[in-house]
mmCIF file of all heavy atoms, coordinates in Angstrom:
data_MODEL
# 
_entry.id   MODEL 
# 
loop_
_atom_site.group_PDB 
_atom_site.id 
_atom_site.type_symbol 
_atom_site.label_atom_id 
_atom_site.label_alt_id 
_atom_site.label_comp_id 
_atom_site.label_asym_id 
_atom_site.label_entity_id 
_atom_site.label_seq_id 
_atom_site.pdbx_PDB_ins_code 
_atom_site.Cartn_x 
_atom_site.Cartn_y 
_atom_site.Cartn_z 
_atom_site.occupancy 
_atom_site.B_iso_or_equiv 
_atom_site.pdbx_formal_charge 
_atom_site.auth_seq_id 
_atom_site.auth_comp_id 
_atom_site.auth_asym_id 
_atom_site.auth_atom_id 
_atom_site.pdbx_PDB_model_num 
ATOM 1   N N   . ASP A 1 1  ? 0.809   -1.222 0.027   1.00 0.00 ? 1  ASP A N   1 
ATOM 2   C CA  . ASP A 1 1  ? -0.039  0.055  -0.024  1.00 0.00 ? 1  ASP A CA  1 
ATOM 3   C C   . ASP A 1 1  ? 0.899   1.265  -0.017  1.00 0.00 ? 1  ASP A C   1 
ATOM 4   O O   . ASP A 1 1  ? 0.311   2.397  -0.130  1.00 0.00 ? 1  ASP A O   1 
ATOM 5   C CB  . ASP A 1 1  ? -0.929  0.050  1.131   1.00 0.00 ? 1  ASP A CB  1 
ATOM 6   C CG  . ASP A 1 1  ? -1.928  -1.137 1.186   1.00 0.00 ? 1  ASP A CG  1 
ATOM 7   O OD1 . ASP A 1 1  ? -2.537  -1.354 0.136   1.00 0.00 ? 1  ASP A OD1 1 
ATOM 8   O OD2 . ASP A 1 1  ? -2.201  -1.725 2.228   1.00 0.00 ? 1  ASP A OD2 1 
ATOM 9   N N   . THR A 1 2  ? 2.242   1.063  0.153   1.00 0.00 ? 2  THR A N   1 
ATOM 10  C CA  . THR A 1 2  ? 3.065   2.315  0.114   1.00 0.00 ? 2  THR A CA  1 
ATOM 11  C C   . THR A 1 2  ? 2.990   3.000  -1.297  1.00 0.00 ? 2  THR A C   1 
ATOM 12  O O   . THR A 1 2  ? 3.110   2.397  -2.274  1.00 0.00 ? 2  THR A O   1 
ATOM 13  C CB  . THR A 1 2  ? 4.513   1.808  0.372   1.00 0.00 ? 2  THR A CB  1 
ATOM 14  O OG1 . THR A 1 2  ? 4.589   1.267  1.700   1.00 0.00 ? 2  THR A OG1 1 
ATOM 15  C CG2 . THR A 1 2  ? 5.438   3.025  0.207   1.00 0.00 ? 2  THR A CG2 1 
ATOM 16  N N   . ALA A 1 3  ? 2.702   4.335  -1.161  1.00 0.00 ? 3  ALA A N   1 
ATOM 17  C CA  . ALA A 1 3  ? 2.465   5.215  -2.332  1.00 0.00 ? 3  ALA A CA  1 
ATOM 18  C C   . ALA A 1 3  ? 2.158   6.544  -1.995  1.00 0.00 ? 3  ALA A C   1 
ATOM 19  O O   . ALA A 1 3  ? 1.956   6.808  -0.766  1.00 0.00 ? 3  ALA A O   1 
ATOM 20  C CB  . ALA A 1 3  ? 1.375   4.595  -3.215  1.00 0.00 ? 3  ALA A CB  1 
ATOM 21  N N   . VAL A 1 4  ? 2.255   7.478  -2.963  1.00 0.00 ? 4  VAL A N   1 
ATOM 22  C CA  . VAL A 1 4  ? 1.631   8.705  -2.667  1.00 0.00 ? 4  VAL A CA  1 
ATOM 23  C C   . VAL A 1 4  ? 0.146   8.731  -2.985  1.00 0.00 ? 4  VAL A C   1 
ATOM 24  O O   . VAL A 1 4  ? -0.228  8.228  -4.134  1.00 0.00 ? 4  VAL A O   1 
ATOM 25  C CB  . VAL A 1 4  ? 2.341   9.808  -3.588  1.00 0.00 ? 4  VAL A CB  1 
ATOM 26  C CG1 . VAL A 1 4  ? 1.606   11.240 -3.296  1.00 0.00 ? 4  VAL A CG1 1 
ATOM 27  C CG2 . VAL A 1 4  ? 3.831   9.895  -3.290  1.00 0.00 ? 4  VAL A CG2 1 
ATOM 28  N N   . TYR A 1 5  ? -0.700  9.171  -2.164  1.00 0.00 ? 5  TYR A N   1 
ATOM 29  C CA  . TYR A 1 5  ? -2.086  9.062  -2.251  1.00 0.00 ? 5  TYR A CA  1 
ATOM 30  C C   . TYR A 1 5  ? -2.644  10.496 -2.622  1.00 0.00 ? 5  TYR A C   1 
ATOM 31  O O   . TYR A 1 5  ? -2.295  11.537 -2.066  1.00 0.00 ? 5  TYR A O   1 
ATOM 32  C CB  . TYR A 1 5  ? -2.730  8.646  -0.939  1.00 0.00 ? 5  TYR A CB  1 
ATOM 33  C CG  . TYR A 1 5  ? -2.721  7.093  -0.767  1.00 0.00 ? 5  TYR A CG  1 
ATOM 34  C CD1 . TYR A 1 5  ? -1.422  6.534  -0.474  1.00 0.00 ? 5  TYR A CD1 1 
ATOM 35  C CD2 . TYR A 1 5  ? -3.729  6.295  -0.894  1.00 0.00 ? 5  TYR A CD2 1 
ATOM 36  C CE1 . TYR A 1 5  ? -1.193  5.119  -0.295  1.00 0.00 ? 5  TYR A CE1 1 
ATOM 37  C CE2 . TYR A 1 5  ? -3.556  4.887  -0.700  1.00 0.00 ? 5  TYR A CE2 1 
ATOM 38  C CZ  . TYR A 1 5  ? -2.360  4.456  -0.461  1.00 0.00 ? 5  TYR A CZ  1 
ATOM 39  O OH  . TYR A 1 5  ? -2.286  3.046  -0.292  1.00 0.00 ? 5  TYR A OH  1 
ATOM 40  N N   . TYR A 1 6  ? -3.435  10.524 -3.670  1.00 0.00 ? 6  TYR A N   1 
ATOM 41  C CA  . TYR A 1 6  ? -3.919  11.791 -4.279  1.00 0.00 ? 6  TYR A CA  1 
ATOM 42  C C   . TYR A 1 6  ? -5.486  11.757 -4.169  1.00 0.00 ? 6  TYR A C   1 
ATOM 43  O O   . TYR A 1 6  ? -6.194  10.680 -4.527  1.00 0.00 ? 6  TYR A O   1 
ATOM 44  C CB  . TYR A 1 6  ? -3.613  11.824 -5.691  1.00 0.00 ? 6  TYR A CB  1 
ATOM 45  C CG  . TYR A 1 6  ? -2.125  11.960 -5.987  1.00 0.00 ? 6  TYR A CG  1 
ATOM 46  C CD1 . TYR A 1 6  ? -1.306  10.865 -6.281  1.00 0.00 ? 6  TYR A CD1 1 
ATOM 47  C CD2 . TYR A 1 6  ? -1.537  13.193 -6.021  1.00 0.00 ? 6  TYR A CD2 1 
ATOM 48  C CE1 . TYR A 1 6  ? 0.072   10.955 -6.456  1.00 0.00 ? 6  TYR A CE1 1 
ATOM 49  C CE2 . TYR A 1 6  ? -0.194  13.397 -6.277  1.00 0.00 ? 6  TYR A CE2 1 
ATOM 50  C CZ  . TYR A 1 6  ? 0.560   12.235 -6.489  1.00 0.00 ? 6  TYR A CZ  1 
ATOM 51  O OH  . TYR A 1 6  ? 1.956   12.349 -6.763  1.00 0.00 ? 6  TYR A OH  1 
ATOM 52  N N   . CYS A 1 7  ? -5.977  12.774 -3.740  1.00 0.00 ? 7  CYS A N   1 
ATOM 53  C CA  . CYS A 1 7  ? -7.469  13.148 -3.887  1.00 0.00 ? 7  CYS A CA  1 
ATOM 54  C C   . CYS A 1 7  ? -7.747  13.763 -5.168  1.00 0.00 ? 7  CYS A C   1 
ATOM 55  O O   . CYS A 1 7  ? -7.035  14.524 -5.720  1.00 0.00 ? 7  CYS A O   1 
ATOM 56  C CB  . CYS A 1 7  ? -7.850  14.014 -2.754  1.00 0.00 ? 7  CYS A CB  1 
ATOM 57  S SG  . CYS A 1 7  ? -9.507  14.584 -2.626  1.00 0.00 ? 7  CYS A SG  1 
ATOM 58  N N   . ALA A 1 8  ? -9.003  13.392 -5.717  1.00 0.00 ? 8  ALA A N   1 
ATOM 59  C CA  . ALA A 1 8  ? -9.272  13.912 -7.042  1.00 0.00 ? 8  ALA A CA  1 
ATOM 60  C C   . ALA A 1 8  ? -10.789 14.279 -7.021  1.00 0.00 ? 8  ALA A C   1 
ATOM 61  O O   . ALA A 1 8  ? -11.694 13.634 -6.281  1.00 0.00 ? 8  ALA A O   1 
ATOM 62  C CB  . ALA A 1 8  ? -8.973  12.922 -8.108  1.00 0.00 ? 8  ALA A CB  1 
ATOM 63  N N   . ALA A 1 9  ? -11.171 15.287 -7.822  1.00 0.00 ? 9  ALA A N   1 
ATOM 64  C CA  . ALA A 1 9  ? -12.600 15.701 -7.916  1.00 0.00 ? 9  ALA A CA  1 
ATOM 65  C C   . ALA A 1 9  ? -12.914 15.956 -9.378  1.00 0.00 ? 9  ALA A C   1 
ATOM 66  O O   . ALA A 1 9  ? -12.170 16.317 -10.163 1.00 0.00 ? 9  ALA A O   1 
ATOM 67  C CB  . ALA A 1 9  ? -12.740 17.040 -7.178  1.00 0.00 ? 9  ALA A CB  1 
ATOM 68  N N   . THR A 1 10 ? -14.217 15.786 -9.697  1.00 0.00 ? 10 THR A N   1 
ATOM 69  C CA  . THR A 1 10 ? -14.742 15.927 -10.971 1.00 0.00 ? 10 THR A CA  1 
ATOM 70  C C   . THR A 1 10 ? -16.145 16.474 -10.912 1.00 0.00 ? 10 THR A C   1 
ATOM 71  O O   . THR A 1 10 ? -16.955 16.065 -10.129 1.00 0.00 ? 10 THR A O   1 
ATOM 72  C CB  . THR A 1 10 ? -14.666 14.770 -11.884 1.00 0.00 ? 10 THR A CB  1 
ATOM 73  O OG1 . THR A 1 10 ? -15.131 15.099 -13.224 1.00 0.00 ? 10 THR A OG1 1 
ATOM 74  C CG2 . THR A 1 10 ? -15.556 13.620 -11.409 1.00 0.00 ? 10 THR A CG2 1 
ATOM 75  N N   . ARG A 1 11 ? -16.432 17.332 -11.943 1.00 0.00 ? 11 ARG A N   1 
ATOM 76  C CA  . ARG A 1 11 ? -17.905 17.879 -12.046 1.00 0.00 ? 11 ARG A CA  1 
ATOM 77  C C   . ARG A 1 11 ? -18.562 17.103 -13.184 1.00 0.00 ? 11 ARG A C   1 
ATOM 78  O O   . ARG A 1 11 ? -19.746 17.371 -13.496 1.00 0.00 ? 11 ARG A O   1 
ATOM 79  C CB  . ARG A 1 11 ? -17.899 19.329 -12.363 1.00 0.00 ? 11 ARG A CB  1 
ATOM 80  C CG  . ARG A 1 11 ? -17.804 20.264 -11.195 1.00 0.00 ? 11 ARG A CG  1 
ATOM 81  C CD  . ARG A 1 11 ? -17.615 21.664 -11.559 1.00 0.00 ? 11 ARG A CD  1 
ATOM 82  N NE  . ARG A 1 11 ? -18.582 22.162 -12.606 1.00 0.00 ? 11 ARG A NE  1 
ATOM 83  C CZ  . ARG A 1 11 ? -18.542 23.514 -13.010 1.00 0.00 ? 11 ARG A CZ  1 
ATOM 84  N NH1 . ARG A 1 11 ? -17.703 24.298 -12.540 1.00 0.00 ? 11 ARG A NH1 1 
ATOM 85  N NH2 . ARG A 1 11 ? -19.408 23.799 -13.996 1.00 0.00 ? 11 ARG A NH2 1 
ATOM 86  N N   . ARG A 1 12 ? -18.011 16.062 -13.712 1.00 0.00 ? 12 ARG A N   1 
ATOM 87  C CA  . ARG A 1 12 ? -18.446 15.297 -14.800 1.00 0.00 ? 12 ARG A CA  1 
ATOM 88  C C   . ARG A 1 12 ? -19.896 14.779 -14.471 1.00 0.00 ? 12 ARG A C   1 
ATOM 89  O O   . ARG A 1 12 ? -20.253 14.364 -13.462 1.00 0.00 ? 12 ARG A O   1 
ATOM 90  C CB  . ARG A 1 12 ? -17.614 14.159 -15.083 1.00 0.00 ? 12 ARG A CB  1 
ATOM 91  C CG  . ARG A 1 12 ? -18.084 13.196 -16.190 1.00 0.00 ? 12 ARG A CG  1 
ATOM 92  C CD  . ARG A 1 12 ? -16.981 12.129 -16.417 1.00 0.00 ? 12 ARG A CD  1 
ATOM 93  N NE  . ARG A 1 12 ? -15.735 12.570 -16.874 1.00 0.00 ? 12 ARG A NE  1 
ATOM 94  C CZ  . ARG A 1 12 ? -15.363 12.689 -18.197 1.00 0.00 ? 12 ARG A CZ  1 
ATOM 95  N NH1 . ARG A 1 12 ? -16.191 12.296 -19.087 1.00 0.00 ? 12 ARG A NH1 1 
ATOM 96  N NH2 . ARG A 1 12 ? -14.145 13.225 -18.444 1.00 0.00 ? 12 ARG A NH2 1 
ATOM 97  N N   . GLY A 1 13 ? -20.860 15.062 -15.443 1.00 0.00 ? 13 GLY A N   1 
ATOM 98  C CA  . GLY A 1 13 ? -22.165 14.529 -15.309 1.00 0.00 ? 13 GLY A CA  1 
ATOM 99  C C   . GLY A 1 13 ? -23.029 15.295 -14.203 1.00 0.00 ? 13 GLY A C   1 
ATOM 100 O O   . GLY A 1 13 ? -22.424 16.285 -13.695 1.00 0.00 ? 13 GLY A O   1 
ATOM 101 N N   . ASN A 1 14 ? -24.166 14.894 -13.937 1.00 0.00 ? 14 ASN A N   1 
ATOM 102 C CA  . ASN A 1 14 ? -24.933 15.442 -12.909 1.00 0.00 ? 14 ASN A CA  1 
ATOM 103 C C   . ASN A 1 14 ? -25.690 14.496 -12.075 1.00 0.00 ? 14 ASN A C   1 
ATOM 104 O O   . ASN A 1 14 ? -26.646 14.889 -11.279 1.00 0.00 ? 14 ASN A O   1 
ATOM 105 C CB  . ASN A 1 14 ? -25.903 16.583 -13.486 1.00 0.00 ? 14 ASN A CB  1 
ATOM 106 C CG  . ASN A 1 14 ? -26.747 15.918 -14.464 1.00 0.00 ? 14 ASN A CG  1 
ATOM 107 O OD1 . ASN A 1 14 ? -26.870 14.656 -14.612 1.00 0.00 ? 14 ASN A OD1 1 
ATOM 108 N ND2 . ASN A 1 14 ? -27.359 16.760 -15.424 1.00 0.00 ? 14 ASN A ND2 1 
ATOM 109 N N   . SER A 1 15 ? -25.402 13.258 -12.254 1.00 0.00 ? 15 SER A N   1 
ATOM 110 C CA  . SER A 1 15 ? -26.115 12.156 -11.393 1.00 0.00 ? 15 SER A CA  1 
ATOM 111 C C   . SER A 1 15 ? -25.551 12.148 -10.016 1.00 0.00 ? 15 SER A C   1 
ATOM 112 O O   . SER A 1 15 ? -24.325 12.238 -9.815  1.00 0.00 ? 15 SER A O   1 
ATOM 113 C CB  . SER A 1 15 ? -25.929 10.798 -12.088 1.00 0.00 ? 15 SER A CB  1 
ATOM 114 O OG  . SER A 1 15 ? -26.435 9.845  -11.249 1.00 0.00 ? 15 SER A OG  1 
ATOM 115 N N   . TYR A 1 16 ? -26.392 11.845 -9.092  1.00 0.00 ? 16 TYR A N   1 
ATOM 116 C CA  . TYR A 1 16 ? -25.925 11.582 -7.627  1.00 0.00 ? 16 TYR A CA  1 
ATOM 117 C C   . TYR A 1 16 ? -25.683 10.079 -7.431  1.00 0.00 ? 16 TYR A C   1 
ATOM 118 O O   . TYR A 1 16 ? -25.341 9.693  -6.325  1.00 0.00 ? 16 TYR A O   1 
ATOM 119 C CB  . TYR A 1 16 ? -27.034 12.065 -6.668  1.00 0.00 ? 16 TYR A CB  1 
ATOM 120 C CG  . TYR A 1 16 ? -26.717 13.517 -6.427  1.00 0.00 ? 16 TYR A CG  1 
ATOM 121 C CD1 . TYR A 1 16 ? -26.959 14.566 -7.393  1.00 0.00 ? 16 TYR A CD1 1 
ATOM 122 C CD2 . TYR A 1 16 ? -26.413 13.935 -5.075  1.00 0.00 ? 16 TYR A CD2 1 
ATOM 123 C CE1 . TYR A 1 16 ? -26.687 15.922 -7.088  1.00 0.00 ? 16 TYR A CE1 1 
ATOM 124 C CE2 . TYR A 1 16 ? -26.170 15.312 -4.857  1.00 0.00 ? 16 TYR A CE2 1 
ATOM 125 C CZ  . TYR A 1 16 ? -26.350 16.312 -5.792  1.00 0.00 ? 16 TYR A CZ  1 
ATOM 126 O OH  . TYR A 1 16 ? -26.102 17.543 -5.496  1.00 0.00 ? 16 TYR A OH  1 
ATOM 127 N N   . GLY A 1 17 ? -25.891 9.263  -8.479  1.00 0.00 ? 17 GLY A N   1 
ATOM 128 C CA  . GLY A 1 17 ? -25.583 7.850  -8.339  1.00 0.00 ? 17 GLY A CA  1 
ATOM 129 C C   . GLY A 1 17 ? -24.499 7.259  -9.228  1.00 0.00 ? 17 GLY A C   1 
ATOM 130 O O   . GLY A 1 17 ? -24.625 6.107  -9.505  1.00 0.00 ? 17 GLY A O   1 
ATOM 131 N N   . THR A 1 18 ? -23.444 8.099  -9.589  1.00 0.00 ? 18 THR A N   1 
ATOM 132 C CA  . THR A 1 18 ? -22.373 7.697  -10.397 1.00 0.00 ? 18 THR A CA  1 
ATOM 133 C C   . THR A 1 18 ? -21.119 7.922  -9.697  1.00 0.00 ? 18 THR A C   1 
ATOM 134 O O   . THR A 1 18 ? -20.875 8.862  -9.029  1.00 0.00 ? 18 THR A O   1 
ATOM 135 C CB  . THR A 1 18 ? -22.556 8.572  -11.726 1.00 0.00 ? 18 THR A CB  1 
ATOM 136 O OG1 . THR A 1 18 ? -23.845 8.363  -12.347 1.00 0.00 ? 18 THR A OG1 1 
ATOM 137 C CG2 . THR A 1 18 ? -21.421 8.103  -12.570 1.00 0.00 ? 18 THR A CG2 1 
ATOM 138 N N   . VAL A 1 19 ? -20.164 7.006  -10.062 1.00 0.00 ? 19 VAL A N   1 
ATOM 139 C CA  . VAL A 1 19 ? -18.787 7.310  -9.656  1.00 0.00 ? 19 VAL A CA  1 
ATOM 140 C C   . VAL A 1 19 ? -17.977 7.079  -10.925 1.00 0.00 ? 19 VAL A C   1 
ATOM 141 O O   . VAL A 1 19 ? -18.344 6.501  -11.880 1.00 0.00 ? 19 VAL A O   1 
ATOM 142 C CB  . VAL A 1 19 ? -18.309 6.227  -8.635  1.00 0.00 ? 19 VAL A CB  1 
ATOM 143 C CG1 . VAL A 1 19 ? -19.021 6.422  -7.249  1.00 0.00 ? 19 VAL A CG1 1 
ATOM 144 C CG2 . VAL A 1 19 ? -18.472 4.826  -9.066  1.00 0.00 ? 19 VAL A CG2 1 
ATOM 145 N N   . TYR A 1 20 ? -16.774 7.696  -10.889 1.00 0.00 ? 20 TYR A N   1 
ATOM 146 C CA  . TYR A 1 20 ? -15.829 7.611  -11.973 1.00 0.00 ? 20 TYR A CA  1 
ATOM 147 C C   . TYR A 1 20 ? -14.507 6.985  -11.434 1.00 0.00 ? 20 TYR A C   1 
ATOM 148 O O   . TYR A 1 20 ? -14.077 7.213  -10.361 1.00 0.00 ? 20 TYR A O   1 
ATOM 149 C CB  . TYR A 1 20 ? -15.595 8.909  -12.602 1.00 0.00 ? 20 TYR A CB  1 
ATOM 150 C CG  . TYR A 1 20 ? -16.773 9.624  -13.119 1.00 0.00 ? 20 TYR A CG  1 
ATOM 151 C CD1 . TYR A 1 20 ? -17.580 10.602 -12.387 1.00 0.00 ? 20 TYR A CD1 1 
ATOM 152 C CD2 . TYR A 1 20 ? -17.438 9.221  -14.314 1.00 0.00 ? 20 TYR A CD2 1 
ATOM 153 C CE1 . TYR A 1 20 ? -18.693 11.144 -12.750 1.00 0.00 ? 20 TYR A CE1 1 
ATOM 154 C CE2 . TYR A 1 20 ? -18.568 9.745  -14.676 1.00 0.00 ? 20 TYR A CE2 1 
ATOM 155 C CZ  . TYR A 1 20 ? -19.278 10.705 -14.022 1.00 0.00 ? 20 TYR A CZ  1 
ATOM 156 O OH  . TYR A 1 20 ? -20.472 11.226 -14.453 1.00 0.00 ? 20 TYR A OH  1 
ATOM 157 N N   . THR A 1 21 ? -13.950 6.099  -12.364 1.00 0.00 ? 21 THR A N   1 
ATOM 158 C CA  . THR A 1 21 ? -12.731 5.389  -11.809 1.00 0.00 ? 21 THR A CA  1 
ATOM 159 C C   . THR A 1 21 ? -11.525 5.615  -12.722 1.00 0.00 ? 21 THR A C   1 
ATOM 160 O O   . THR A 1 21 ? -10.465 5.027  -12.405 1.00 0.00 ? 21 THR A O   1 
ATOM 161 C CB  . THR A 1 21 ? -13.069 3.888  -11.782 1.00 0.00 ? 21 THR A CB  1 
ATOM 162 O OG1 . THR A 1 21 ? -13.346 3.389  -13.137 1.00 0.00 ? 21 THR A OG1 1 
ATOM 163 C CG2 . THR A 1 21 ? -14.159 3.507  -10.823 1.00 0.00 ? 21 THR A CG2 1 
ATOM 164 N N   . ARG A 1 22 ? -11.580 6.338  -13.821 1.00 0.00 ? 22 ARG A N   1 
ATOM 165 C CA  . ARG A 1 22 ? -10.494 6.561  -14.661 1.00 0.00 ? 22 ARG A CA  1 
ATOM 166 C C   . ARG A 1 22 ? -9.829  7.873  -14.296 1.00 0.00 ? 22 ARG A C   1 
ATOM 167 O O   . ARG A 1 22 ? -10.550 8.956  -14.124 1.00 0.00 ? 22 ARG A O   1 
ATOM 168 C CB  . ARG A 1 22 ? -10.885 6.614  -16.113 1.00 0.00 ? 22 ARG A CB  1 
ATOM 169 C CG  . ARG A 1 22 ? -11.564 5.310  -16.592 1.00 0.00 ? 22 ARG A CG  1 
ATOM 170 C CD  . ARG A 1 22 ? -12.013 5.455  -18.022 1.00 0.00 ? 22 ARG A CD  1 
ATOM 171 N NE  . ARG A 1 22 ? -12.768 4.243  -18.466 1.00 0.00 ? 22 ARG A NE  1 
ATOM 172 C CZ  . ARG A 1 22 ? -13.328 4.107  -19.602 1.00 0.00 ? 22 ARG A CZ  1 
ATOM 173 N NH1 . ARG A 1 22 ? -13.406 5.146  -20.442 1.00 0.00 ? 22 ARG A NH1 1 
ATOM 174 N NH2 . ARG A 1 22 ? -14.017 2.985  -19.901 1.00 0.00 ? 22 ARG A NH2 1 
ATOM 175 N N   . ARG A 1 23 ? -8.496  7.972  -14.328 1.00 0.00 ? 23 ARG A N   1 
ATOM 176 C CA  . ARG A 1 23 ? -7.798  9.038  -14.048 1.00 0.00 ? 23 ARG A CA  1 
ATOM 177 C C   . ARG A 1 23 ? -8.214  10.256 -14.955 1.00 0.00 ? 23 ARG A C   1 
ATOM 178 O O   . ARG A 1 23 ? -8.304  11.442 -14.561 1.00 0.00 ? 23 ARG A O   1 
ATOM 179 C CB  . ARG A 1 23 ? -6.248  8.843  -14.155 1.00 0.00 ? 23 ARG A CB  1 
ATOM 180 C CG  . ARG A 1 23 ? -5.397  9.961  -13.908 1.00 0.00 ? 23 ARG A CG  1 
ATOM 181 C CD  . ARG A 1 23 ? -3.899  9.656  -14.113 1.00 0.00 ? 23 ARG A CD  1 
ATOM 182 N NE  . ARG A 1 23 ? -3.013  10.813 -13.886 1.00 0.00 ? 23 ARG A NE  1 
ATOM 183 C CZ  . ARG A 1 23 ? -1.764  10.773 -13.877 1.00 0.00 ? 23 ARG A CZ  1 
ATOM 184 N NH1 . ARG A 1 23 ? -1.096  9.555  -14.113 1.00 0.00 ? 23 ARG A NH1 1 
ATOM 185 N NH2 . ARG A 1 23 ? -1.024  11.826 -13.758 1.00 0.00 ? 23 ARG A NH2 1 
ATOM 186 N N   . SER A 1 24 ? -8.536  9.981  -16.249 1.00 0.00 ? 24 SER A N   1 
ATOM 187 C CA  . SER A 1 24 ? -8.804  11.024 -17.237 1.00 0.00 ? 24 SER A CA  1 
ATOM 188 C C   . SER A 1 24 ? -10.212 11.648 -16.972 1.00 0.00 ? 24 SER A C   1 
ATOM 189 O O   . SER A 1 24 ? -10.405 12.650 -17.518 1.00 0.00 ? 24 SER A O   1 
ATOM 190 C CB  . SER A 1 24 ? -8.829  10.383 -18.639 1.00 0.00 ? 24 SER A CB  1 
ATOM 191 O OG  . SER A 1 24 ? -9.714  9.341  -18.750 1.00 0.00 ? 24 SER A OG  1 
ATOM 192 N N   . GLU A 1 25 ? -10.957 11.007 -16.057 1.00 0.00 ? 25 GLU A N   1 
ATOM 193 C CA  . GLU A 1 25 ? -12.271 11.576 -15.861 1.00 0.00 ? 25 GLU A CA  1 
ATOM 194 C C   . GLU A 1 25 ? -12.212 12.639 -14.724 1.00 0.00 ? 25 GLU A C   1 
ATOM 195 O O   . GLU A 1 25 ? -13.290 13.265 -14.363 1.00 0.00 ? 25 GLU A O   1 
ATOM 196 C CB  . GLU A 1 25 ? -13.178 10.472 -15.479 1.00 0.00 ? 25 GLU A CB  1 
ATOM 197 C CG  . GLU A 1 25 ? -13.552 9.484  -16.621 1.00 0.00 ? 25 GLU A CG  1 
ATOM 198 C CD  . GLU A 1 25 ? -14.340 8.332  -16.202 1.00 0.00 ? 25 GLU A CD  1 
ATOM 199 O OE1 . GLU A 1 25 ? -13.964 7.628  -15.180 1.00 0.00 ? 25 GLU A OE1 1 
ATOM 200 O OE2 . GLU A 1 25 ? -15.206 7.898  -16.971 1.00 0.00 ? 25 GLU A OE2 1 
ATOM 201 N N   . TYR A 1 26 ? -11.097 12.885 -14.167 1.00 0.00 ? 26 TYR A N   1 
ATOM 202 C CA  . TYR A 1 26 ? -10.986 13.802 -13.003 1.00 0.00 ? 26 TYR A CA  1 
ATOM 203 C C   . TYR A 1 26 ? -10.203 15.105 -13.451 1.00 0.00 ? 26 TYR A C   1 
ATOM 204 O O   . TYR A 1 26 ? -9.318  14.992 -14.186 1.00 0.00 ? 26 TYR A O   1 
ATOM 205 C CB  . TYR A 1 26 ? -10.329 13.106 -11.820 1.00 0.00 ? 26 TYR A CB  1 
ATOM 206 C CG  . TYR A 1 26 ? -11.231 12.146 -11.107 1.00 0.00 ? 26 TYR A CG  1 
ATOM 207 C CD1 . TYR A 1 26 ? -11.311 10.888 -11.580 1.00 0.00 ? 26 TYR A CD1 1 
ATOM 208 C CD2 . TYR A 1 26 ? -12.025 12.530 -10.124 1.00 0.00 ? 26 TYR A CD2 1 
ATOM 209 C CE1 . TYR A 1 26 ? -12.159 9.952  -10.952 1.00 0.00 ? 26 TYR A CE1 1 
ATOM 210 C CE2 . TYR A 1 26 ? -12.985 11.748 -9.469  1.00 0.00 ? 26 TYR A CE2 1 
ATOM 211 C CZ  . TYR A 1 26 ? -13.000 10.481 -9.936  1.00 0.00 ? 26 TYR A CZ  1 
ATOM 212 O OH  . TYR A 1 26 ? -13.883 9.563  -9.390  1.00 0.00 ? 26 TYR A OH  1 
ATOM 213 N N   . ASP A 1 27 ? -10.859 16.252 -13.005 1.00 0.00 ? 27 ASP A N   1 
ATOM 214 C CA  . ASP A 1 27 ? -10.319 17.453 -13.428 1.00 0.00 ? 27 ASP A CA  1 
ATOM 215 C C   . ASP A 1 27 ? -9.381  18.198 -12.442 1.00 0.00 ? 27 ASP A C   1 
ATOM 216 O O   . ASP A 1 27 ? -8.619  18.955 -12.812 1.00 0.00 ? 27 ASP A O   1 
ATOM 217 C CB  . ASP A 1 27 ? -11.547 18.429 -13.635 1.00 0.00 ? 27 ASP A CB  1 
ATOM 218 C CG  . ASP A 1 27 ? -12.456 17.765 -14.686 1.00 0.00 ? 27 ASP A CG  1 
ATOM 219 O OD1 . ASP A 1 27 ? -12.100 17.438 -15.825 1.00 0.00 ? 27 ASP A OD1 1 
ATOM 220 O OD2 . ASP A 1 27 ? -13.668 17.680 -14.248 1.00 0.00 ? 27 ASP A OD2 1 
ATOM 221 N N   . TYR A 1 28 ? -9.534  17.857 -11.133 1.00 0.00 ? 28 TYR A N   1 
ATOM 222 C CA  . TYR A 1 28 ? -8.815  18.531 -10.036 1.00 0.00 ? 28 TYR A CA  1 
ATOM 223 C C   . TYR A 1 28 ? -8.149  17.548 -9.175  1.00 0.00 ? 28 TYR A C   1 
ATOM 224 O O   . TYR A 1 28 ? -8.702  16.545 -8.829  1.00 0.00 ? 28 TYR A O   1 
ATOM 225 C CB  . TYR A 1 28 ? -9.813  19.426 -9.229  1.00 0.00 ? 28 TYR A CB  1 
ATOM 226 C CG  . TYR A 1 28 ? -10.571 20.320 -10.082 1.00 0.00 ? 28 TYR A CG  1 
ATOM 227 C CD1 . TYR A 1 28 ? -11.900 20.139 -10.462 1.00 0.00 ? 28 TYR A CD1 1 
ATOM 228 C CD2 . TYR A 1 28 ? -9.998  21.567 -10.500 1.00 0.00 ? 28 TYR A CD2 1 
ATOM 229 C CE1 . TYR A 1 28 ? -12.601 20.922 -11.204 1.00 0.00 ? 28 TYR A CE1 1 
ATOM 230 C CE2 . TYR A 1 28 ? -10.715 22.444 -11.297 1.00 0.00 ? 28 TYR A CE2 1 
ATOM 231 C CZ  . TYR A 1 28 ? -11.992 22.174 -11.642 1.00 0.00 ? 28 TYR A CZ  1 
ATOM 232 O OH  . TYR A 1 28 ? -12.689 23.031 -12.448 1.00 0.00 ? 28 TYR A OH  1 
ATOM 233 N N   . TRP A 1 29 ? -6.898  17.808 -8.751  1.00 0.00 ? 29 TRP A N   1 
ATOM 234 C CA  . TRP A 1 29 ? -6.126  16.986 -8.024  1.00 0.00 ? 29 TRP A CA  1 
ATOM 235 C C   . TRP A 1 29 ? -5.423  17.702 -6.800  1.00 0.00 ? 29 TRP A C   1 
ATOM 236 O O   . TRP A 1 29 ? -5.128  18.868 -7.022  1.00 0.00 ? 29 TRP A O   1 
ATOM 237 C CB  . TRP A 1 29 ? -4.999  16.362 -8.933  1.00 0.00 ? 29 TRP A CB  1 
ATOM 238 C CG  . TRP A 1 29 ? -5.539  15.484 -10.072 1.00 0.00 ? 29 TRP A CG  1 
ATOM 239 C CD1 . TRP A 1 29 ? -5.943  15.840 -11.180 1.00 0.00 ? 29 TRP A CD1 1 
ATOM 240 C CD2 . TRP A 1 29 ? -5.657  14.119 -9.926  1.00 0.00 ? 29 TRP A CD2 1 
ATOM 241 N NE1 . TRP A 1 29 ? -6.383  14.844 -11.964 1.00 0.00 ? 29 TRP A NE1 1 
ATOM 242 C CE2 . TRP A 1 29 ? -6.278  13.697 -11.183 1.00 0.00 ? 29 TRP A CE2 1 
ATOM 243 C CE3 . TRP A 1 29 ? -5.459  13.123 -9.009  1.00 0.00 ? 29 TRP A CE3 1 
ATOM 244 C CZ2 . TRP A 1 29 ? -6.527  12.255 -11.454 1.00 0.00 ? 29 TRP A CZ2 1 
ATOM 245 C CZ3 . TRP A 1 29 ? -5.680  11.835 -9.283  1.00 0.00 ? 29 TRP A CZ3 1 
ATOM 246 C CH2 . TRP A 1 29 ? -6.257  11.405 -10.542 1.00 0.00 ? 29 TRP A CH2 1 
# 
């Protein structure tokens, strides 16, 4: 588990029932 851990955020879509798992889908780090 040793690593640098990053938080990410995205405004993609508008559903409250969706998650995104690809790095390219996140805009802010």
